[in-house]
N, C-alpha and C. Protein backbone atom coordinates (compact mmCIF):
# COMPACT_ATOMS: atom_id res chain seq x y z
N UNK A 1 5.90 54.21 70.03
CA UNK A 1 6.55 55.03 69.19
C UNK A 1 6.67 56.39 69.49
N UNK A 2 7.49 57.22 68.83
CA UNK A 2 8.02 58.07 69.74
C UNK A 2 7.06 59.32 68.54
N UNK A 3 6.81 60.36 69.38
CA UNK A 3 5.75 61.23 68.62
C UNK A 3 6.85 62.78 67.81
N UNK A 4 7.04 63.37 66.78
CA UNK A 4 7.85 64.10 67.04
C UNK A 4 7.33 65.67 66.67
N UNK A 5 7.58 66.48 67.55
CA UNK A 5 6.90 67.76 67.33
C UNK A 5 7.89 68.71 66.61
N UNK A 6 7.67 69.51 65.92
CA UNK A 6 8.93 70.84 64.98
C UNK A 6 8.61 71.69 66.06
N UNK A 7 9.42 71.99 66.75
CA UNK A 7 9.21 73.09 67.88
C UNK A 7 9.83 74.47 67.11
N UNK A 8 11.35 74.90 66.40
CA UNK A 8 11.66 75.92 65.88
C UNK A 8 12.52 75.55 65.10
N UNK A 9 12.31 76.45 63.61
CA UNK A 9 12.60 76.83 62.93
C UNK A 9 13.86 77.96 62.97
N UNK A 10 14.87 77.43 62.27
CA UNK A 10 16.15 78.35 61.44
C UNK A 10 16.69 78.70 60.26
N UNK A 11 16.62 79.27 59.22
CA UNK A 11 17.00 79.34 58.14
C UNK A 11 18.66 80.06 58.50
N UNK A 12 19.54 79.42 57.38
CA UNK A 12 21.01 80.62 57.88
C UNK A 12 21.35 80.08 56.12
N UNK A 13 21.87 81.48 55.81
CA UNK A 13 22.38 81.43 54.48
C UNK A 13 23.97 82.12 54.35
N UNK A 14 24.48 81.31 53.47
CA UNK A 14 25.73 81.15 53.22
C UNK A 14 26.90 82.13 52.31
N UNK A 15 27.10 83.27 52.39
CA UNK A 15 27.52 83.98 51.60
C UNK A 15 28.79 84.24 50.95
N UNK A 16 29.56 83.98 49.79
CA UNK A 16 30.46 83.98 49.39
C UNK A 16 31.00 84.88 49.43
N UNK A 17 32.74 86.01 50.18
CA UNK A 17 32.38 86.91 50.51
C UNK A 17 34.11 87.17 50.14
N UNK A 18 34.99 86.50 49.14
CA UNK A 18 36.03 86.71 48.84
C UNK A 18 37.03 85.16 49.01
N UNK A 19 38.30 85.62 48.52
CA UNK A 19 38.86 84.18 48.43
C UNK A 19 39.79 84.16 49.41
N UNK A 20 40.69 83.50 50.20
CA UNK A 20 41.79 83.45 51.32
C UNK A 20 43.62 82.93 50.05
N UNK A 21 43.87 83.15 51.43
CA UNK A 21 45.49 83.55 50.07
C UNK A 21 45.62 82.07 49.26
N UNK A 22 45.06 80.66 49.89
CA UNK A 22 45.16 79.17 48.97
C UNK A 22 44.18 79.61 48.35
N UNK A 23 43.82 80.75 47.49
CA UNK A 23 42.34 80.42 46.65
C UNK A 23 41.08 79.64 47.04
N UNK A 24 40.51 79.54 48.39
CA UNK A 24 39.81 78.64 48.74
C UNK A 24 38.57 79.79 48.87
N UNK A 25 37.73 79.86 48.99
CA UNK A 25 36.42 80.80 49.48
C UNK A 25 36.29 81.01 51.05
N UNK A 26 35.50 82.25 50.85
CA UNK A 26 35.80 82.80 52.60
C UNK A 26 34.23 82.94 52.34
N UNK A 27 33.88 82.09 53.58
CA UNK A 27 31.86 82.11 53.77
C UNK A 27 31.99 82.48 55.03
N UNK A 28 30.67 83.51 55.01
CA UNK A 28 30.23 84.16 55.86
C UNK A 28 28.97 83.63 56.13
N UNK A 29 28.24 83.85 57.72
CA UNK A 29 27.22 83.33 57.14
C UNK A 29 26.13 83.67 58.51
N UNK A 30 24.61 83.90 57.77
CA UNK A 30 23.69 84.89 59.29
C UNK A 30 22.73 84.17 58.98
N UNK A 31 21.92 84.21 60.43
CA UNK A 31 21.39 82.89 61.00
C UNK A 31 19.80 83.76 60.93
N UNK A 32 19.07 83.14 60.72
CA UNK A 32 17.35 84.03 61.01
C UNK A 32 16.38 83.25 61.79
N UNK A 33 16.21 83.56 62.95
CA UNK A 33 15.32 82.27 64.23
C UNK A 33 14.02 83.40 64.07
N UNK A 34 13.25 82.18 64.51
CA UNK A 34 11.78 82.24 64.77
C UNK A 34 10.74 82.61 63.51
N UNK A 35 11.30 81.43 62.56
CA UNK A 35 10.70 81.53 61.46
C UNK A 35 9.37 80.47 61.97
N UNK A 36 8.22 80.59 60.89
CA UNK A 36 6.89 79.99 60.96
C UNK A 36 7.33 78.55 60.84
N UNK A 37 6.86 77.48 61.89
CA UNK A 37 7.53 76.19 61.48
C UNK A 37 6.05 75.48 60.60
N UNK A 38 5.56 76.11 60.74
CA UNK A 38 4.19 75.86 59.17
C UNK A 38 4.93 76.59 57.79
N UNK A 39 5.94 77.22 57.83
CA UNK A 39 6.76 77.98 56.48
C UNK A 39 7.10 76.71 55.40
N UNK A 40 6.13 76.83 54.28
CA UNK A 40 7.09 75.83 53.37
C UNK A 40 7.86 76.05 53.03
N UNK A 41 8.97 75.26 52.30
CA UNK A 41 10.66 75.45 51.58
C UNK A 41 10.33 76.45 50.48
N UNK A 42 8.97 76.75 49.94
CA UNK A 42 9.38 77.70 48.98
C UNK A 42 9.36 78.97 49.26
N UNK A 43 8.57 79.58 50.07
CA UNK A 43 8.28 80.66 50.87
C UNK A 43 9.68 81.05 51.56
N UNK A 44 10.16 79.96 52.50
CA UNK A 44 11.66 79.75 53.15
C UNK A 44 12.35 80.50 52.21
N UNK A 45 13.08 79.60 50.72
CA UNK A 45 13.81 80.17 49.89
C UNK A 45 13.47 81.55 49.12
N UNK A 46 11.78 81.88 49.07
CA UNK A 46 12.12 83.04 48.47
C UNK A 46 12.36 84.38 49.25
N UNK A 47 12.31 84.63 50.42
CA UNK A 47 12.38 84.67 51.67
C UNK A 47 14.14 85.37 51.63
N UNK A 48 14.78 84.38 51.53
CA UNK A 48 16.33 83.98 51.35
C UNK A 48 16.66 84.99 50.23
N UNK A 49 16.00 84.73 49.63
CA UNK A 49 16.82 85.34 48.20
C UNK A 49 16.23 87.25 48.28
N UNK A 50 15.21 87.41 48.97
CA UNK A 50 15.07 88.42 49.09
C UNK A 50 16.13 89.30 49.91
N UNK A 51 16.30 88.47 51.46
CA UNK A 51 17.83 89.10 52.11
C UNK A 51 18.51 89.05 51.55
N UNK A 52 19.02 88.48 50.20
CA UNK A 52 20.49 88.08 50.22
C UNK A 52 20.14 89.69 49.22
N UNK A 53 19.23 89.70 48.22
CA UNK A 53 19.30 90.73 47.40
C UNK A 53 19.48 92.35 48.03
N UNK A 54 19.67 92.19 48.97
CA UNK A 54 19.88 93.42 50.49
C UNK A 54 21.37 93.15 50.67
N UNK A 55 21.88 92.08 50.06
CA UNK A 55 23.59 92.01 51.15
C UNK A 55 24.85 92.42 49.56
N UNK A 56 25.88 92.86 50.23
CA UNK A 56 26.81 93.24 49.06
C UNK A 56 27.67 91.80 48.59
N UNK A 57 27.41 90.59 49.04
CA UNK A 57 28.21 89.49 48.54
C UNK A 57 27.12 88.00 48.07
N UNK A 58 27.51 87.43 47.28
CA UNK A 58 26.33 86.50 46.45
C UNK A 58 26.35 85.49 47.26
N UNK A 59 24.86 85.25 47.31
CA UNK A 59 24.60 83.95 48.06
C UNK A 59 24.73 82.65 47.74
N UNK A 60 25.59 81.79 48.41
CA UNK A 60 26.09 80.47 47.64
C UNK A 60 25.22 79.24 48.33
N UNK A 61 24.07 79.43 49.68
CA UNK A 61 23.73 78.30 50.03
C UNK A 61 22.64 78.51 51.10
N UNK A 62 21.55 78.17 51.26
CA UNK A 62 20.43 78.14 52.17
C UNK A 62 20.39 76.93 52.79
N UNK A 63 20.28 77.06 54.38
CA UNK A 63 20.08 76.08 54.84
C UNK A 63 18.94 76.31 55.72
N UNK A 64 17.59 75.17 55.87
CA UNK A 64 16.71 75.45 57.01
C UNK A 64 16.90 74.15 57.53
N UNK A 65 17.19 74.60 59.23
CA UNK A 65 17.77 73.68 60.11
C UNK A 65 16.17 74.10 61.14
N UNK A 66 15.75 72.84 61.55
CA UNK A 66 14.90 72.52 62.79
C UNK A 66 14.58 71.96 63.69
N UNK A 67 14.03 72.05 64.71
CA UNK A 67 14.80 71.72 66.16
C UNK A 67 13.04 70.95 66.21
N UNK A 68 13.56 69.02 66.70
CA UNK A 68 12.21 69.12 66.90
C UNK A 68 12.16 67.97 68.21
N UNK A 69 11.31 68.11 68.96
CA UNK A 69 11.34 67.74 70.17
C UNK A 69 10.90 66.22 70.13
N UNK A 70 11.46 65.33 70.69
CA UNK A 70 10.57 64.03 70.72
C UNK A 70 10.00 63.89 71.89
N UNK A 71 9.29 62.54 72.18
CA UNK A 71 7.85 62.55 73.21
C UNK A 71 7.84 61.32 72.97
N UNK A 72 7.08 59.98 74.26
CA UNK A 72 6.46 59.30 73.75
C UNK A 72 4.60 59.55 73.88
């Protein structure tokens, strides 16, 4: 059975910056790496919301991206 080890966590914030000529939302992303691998989701969301409070555009999505290493 394979072992899984969480090696790295990145959070990605998505902001809606306006609408294009077809009326579709324009999305910009900001990523932050080197997040503690033992950080809980509530703390990550709180940090993302604090960062979003410093931005001029509205936060539309927060994603937590983990890199996992597999071994025997």
